[in-house]
Amino acid sequence: MASCPMRNVIAHFANKWSMLLLVILDEFGVMRFNELSRAIPDISPKVLSGHLKTLESIGLLKRILYAEVPPRTEYELTELGKSLIPILNQLSEWARRNLEKISKNLRKRD
């Protein structure tokens, strides 16, 4: 269905990297690309760049480009992005409470 919120909105940030980026930006505030890269060492620069562009395009974060030499770019959550943080925190808490059960179920499956 074309108007399905799950498919048309949530799918753009409901992945491990985007949600992690949002939580990290909430925790640390304004960050540069290299700082984000160091905060998530197992993400490639190409994947990080793609997720930052997607999050910016849907309005969850903003990119601030400073006309300096060398150029400096910073990222921070928008108000829309900040409004998502309590929901992500609830999801994270749910995951912590249920990790053992889910892990047990996955072991049974395998």
C-alpha atoms as a PDB file:
ATOM      1  CA  MET A   1       0.000   0.000   0.000  1.00  0.00           C
ATOM      2  CA  ALA A   2       1.478   3.360  -1.085  1.00  0.00           C
ATOM      3  CA  SER A   3       0.451   5.184   2.102  1.00  0.00           C
ATOM      4  CA  CYS A   4       1.829   2.606   4.538  1.00  0.00           C
ATOM      5  CA  PRO A   5       3.929   4.476   7.156  1.00  0.00           C
ATOM      6  CA  MET A   6       6.037   1.402   7.880  1.00  0.00           C
ATOM      7  CA  ARG A   7       7.137   1.108   4.300  1.00  0.00           C
ATOM      8  CA  ASN A   8       7.382   4.759   3.372  1.00  0.00           C
ATOM      9  CA  VAL A   9       8.890   6.294   6.490  1.00  0.00           C
ATOM     10  CA  ILE A  10      10.221   3.809   8.993  1.00  0.00           C
ATOM     11  CA  ALA A  11      12.026   1.716   6.389  1.00  0.00           C
ATOM     12  CA  HIS A  12      14.425   4.637   5.790  1.00  0.00           C
ATOM     13  CA  PHE A  13      15.857   4.497   9.306  1.00  0.00           C
ATOM     14  CA  ALA A  14      14.884   1.051  10.605  1.00  0.00           C
ATOM     15  CA  ASN A  15      18.272  -0.532  10.118  1.00  0.00           C
ATOM     16  CA  LYS A  16      21.173  -1.119  12.450  1.00  0.00           C
ATOM     17  CA  TRP A  17      23.385   1.700  11.195  1.00  0.00           C
ATOM     18  CA  SER A  18      20.821   4.487  10.938  1.00  0.00           C
ATOM     19  CA  MET A  19      19.332   3.850  14.364  1.00  0.00           C
ATOM     20  CA  LEU A  20      22.820   3.662  15.875  1.00  0.00           C
ATOM     21  CA  LEU A  21      23.808   6.942  14.184  1.00  0.00           C
ATOM     22  CA  LEU A  22      20.714   8.658  15.575  1.00  0.00           C
ATOM     23  CA  VAL A  23      21.418   7.421  19.103  1.00  0.00           C
ATOM     24  CA  ILE A  24      25.092   8.435  18.901  1.00  0.00           C
ATOM     25  CA  LEU A  25      24.218  11.918  17.625  1.00  0.00           C
ATOM     26  CA  ASP A  26      21.702  12.255  20.440  1.00  0.00           C
ATOM     27  CA  GLU A  27      24.341  11.302  22.985  1.00  0.00           C
ATOM     28  CA  PHE A  28      27.233  13.381  21.661  1.00  0.00           C
ATOM     29  CA  GLY A  29      25.472  16.221  19.837  1.00  0.00           C
ATOM     30  CA  VAL A  30      27.203  17.759  16.845  1.00  0.00           C
ATOM     31  CA  MET A  31      29.752  15.435  15.277  1.00  0.00           C
ATOM     32  CA  ARG A  32      32.021  15.371  12.248  1.00  0.00           C
ATOM     33  CA  PHE A  33      32.204  12.482   9.781  1.00  0.00           C
ATOM     34  CA  ASN A  34      35.476  11.130  11.194  1.00  0.00           C
ATOM     35  CA  GLU A  35      34.106  11.269  14.743  1.00  0.00           C
ATOM     36  CA  LEU A  36      31.088   9.252  13.668  1.00  0.00           C
ATOM     37  CA  SER A  37      33.365   6.833  11.865  1.00  0.00           C
ATOM     38  CA  ARG A  38      35.453   6.341  15.020  1.00  0.00           C
ATOM     39  CA  ALA A  39      32.299   5.908  17.112  1.00  0.00           C
ATOM     40  CA  ILE A  40      31.218   3.033  14.827  1.00  0.00           C
ATOM     41  CA  PRO A  41      34.499   1.421  13.761  1.00  0.00           C
ATOM     42  CA  ASP A  42      32.907  -1.464  11.846  1.00  0.00           C
ATOM     43  CA  ILE A  43      30.999   0.749   9.372  1.00  0.00           C
ATOM     44  CA  SER A  44      32.710   1.544   6.078  1.00  0.00           C
ATOM     45  CA  PRO A  45      33.000   5.182   4.981  1.00  0.00           C
ATOM     46  CA  LYS A  46      30.793   4.482   1.952  1.00  0.00           C
ATOM     47  CA  VAL A  47      28.021   2.940   4.069  1.00  0.00           C
ATOM     48  CA  LEU A  48      28.307   5.719   6.687  1.00  0.00           C
ATOM     49  CA  SER A  49      28.055   8.374   3.989  1.00  0.00           C
ATOM     50  CA  GLY A  50      25.009   6.715   2.450  1.00  0.00           C
ATOM     51  CA  HIS A  51      23.160   6.471   5.746  1.00  0.00           C
ATOM     52  CA  LEU A  52      23.977  10.080   6.648  1.00  0.00           C
ATOM     53  CA  LYS A  53      22.602  11.219   3.273  1.00  0.00           C
ATOM     54  CA  THR A  54      19.429   9.194   3.762  1.00  0.00           C
ATOM     55  CA  LEU A  55      18.871  10.502   7.287  1.00  0.00           C
ATOM     56  CA  GLU A  56      19.436  14.043   6.042  1.00  0.00           C
ATOM     57  CA  SER A  57      17.070  13.585   3.082  1.00  0.00           C
ATOM     58  CA  ILE A  58      14.203  12.479   5.336  1.00  0.00           C
ATOM     59  CA  GLY A  59      14.873  15.307   7.771  1.00  0.00           C
ATOM     60  CA  LEU A  60      16.187  13.420  10.816  1.00  0.00           C
ATOM     61  CA  LEU A  61      19.584  15.069  10.792  1.00  0.00           C
ATOM     62  CA  LYS A  62      21.127  18.128   9.263  1.00  0.00           C
ATOM     63  CA  ARG A  63      24.496  18.553   7.660  1.00  0.00           C
ATOM     64  CA  ILE A  64      26.300  21.806   8.298  1.00  0.00           C
ATOM     65  CA  LEU A  65      29.019  22.678   5.791  1.00  0.00           C
ATOM     66  CA  TYR A  66      31.549  25.327   6.781  1.00  0.00           C
ATOM     67  CA  ALA A  67      33.310  27.166   3.964  1.00  0.00           C
ATOM     68  CA  GLU A  68      36.782  26.802   5.412  1.00  0.00           C
ATOM     69  CA  VAL A  69      40.048  25.403   4.135  1.00  0.00           C
ATOM     70  CA  PRO A  70      39.934  22.515   4.530  1.00  0.00           C
ATOM     71  CA  PRO A  71      36.132  22.311   4.455  1.00  0.00           C
ATOM     72  CA  ARG A  72      34.474  21.172   7.667  1.00  0.00           C
ATOM     73  CA  THR A  73      31.186  19.278   7.781  1.00  0.00           C
ATOM     74  CA  GLU A  74      29.206  18.555  10.924  1.00  0.00           C
ATOM     75  CA  TYR A  75      26.072  16.520  11.553  1.00  0.00           C
ATOM     76  CA  GLU A  76      23.391  16.966  14.193  1.00  0.00           C
ATOM     77  CA  LEU A  77      19.856  15.823  14.874  1.00  0.00           C
ATOM     78  CA  THR A  78      16.967  17.988  13.747  1.00  0.00           C
ATOM     79  CA  GLU A  79      13.916  18.493  15.943  1.00  0.00           C
ATOM     80  CA  LEU A  80      12.261  15.695  13.980  1.00  0.00           C
ATOM     81  CA  GLY A  81      15.241  13.446  14.694  1.00  0.00           C
ATOM     82  CA  LYS A  82      15.182  14.362  18.371  1.00  0.00           C
ATOM     83  CA  SER A  83      11.492  13.446  18.524  1.00  0.00           C
ATOM     84  CA  LEU A  84      12.404   9.902  17.444  1.00  0.00           C
ATOM     85  CA  ILE A  85      14.960   9.354  20.232  1.00  0.00           C
ATOM     86  CA  PRO A  86      12.472   8.432  23.010  1.00  0.00           C
ATOM     87  CA  ILE A  87      11.017   5.761  20.734  1.00  0.00           C
ATOM     88  CA  LEU A  88      14.472   4.379  19.917  1.00  0.00           C
ATOM     89  CA  ASN A  89      15.304   4.387  23.629  1.00  0.00           C
ATOM     90  CA  GLN A  90      12.153   2.369  24.337  1.00  0.00           C
ATOM     91  CA  LEU A  91      13.078  -0.091  21.592  1.00  0.00           C
ATOM     92  CA  SER A  92      16.582  -0.389  23.018  1.00  0.00           C
ATOM     93  CA  GLU A  93      15.220  -1.049  26.502  1.00  0.00           C
ATOM     94  CA  TRP A  94      12.844  -3.683  25.126  1.00  0.00           C
ATOM     95  CA  ALA A  95      15.769  -5.342  23.335  1.00  0.00           C
ATOM     96  CA  ARG A  96      17.842  -5.397  26.548  1.00  0.00           C
ATOM     97  CA  ARG A  97      14.968  -6.940  28.517  1.00  0.00           C
ATOM     98  CA  ASN A  98      14.328  -9.604  25.901  1.00  0.00           C
ATOM     99  CA  LEU A  99      17.783 -10.361  24.525  1.00  0.00           C
ATOM    100  CA  GLU A 100      18.160 -13.578  26.494  1.00  0.00           C
ATOM    101  CA  LYS A 101      14.768 -14.923  25.383  1.00  0.00           C
ATOM    102  CA  ILE A 102      15.372 -14.042  21.764  1.00  0.00           C
ATOM    103  CA  SER A 103      18.877 -15.515  21.806  1.00  0.00           C
ATOM    104  CA  LYS A 104      17.495 -18.717  23.316  1.00  0.00           C
ATOM    105  CA  ASN A 105      14.817 -18.937  20.631  1.00  0.00           C
ATOM    106  CA  LEU A 106      17.390 -18.380  17.896  1.00  0.00           C
ATOM    107  CA  ARG A 107      19.597 -21.167  19.289  1.00  0.00           C
ATOM    108  CA  LYS A 108      16.590 -23.508  19.213  1.00  0.00           C
ATOM    109  CA  ARG A 109      15.982 -22.633  15.594  1.00  0.00           C
ATOM    110  CA  ASP A 110      19.568 -23.309  14.594  1.00  0.00           C
END
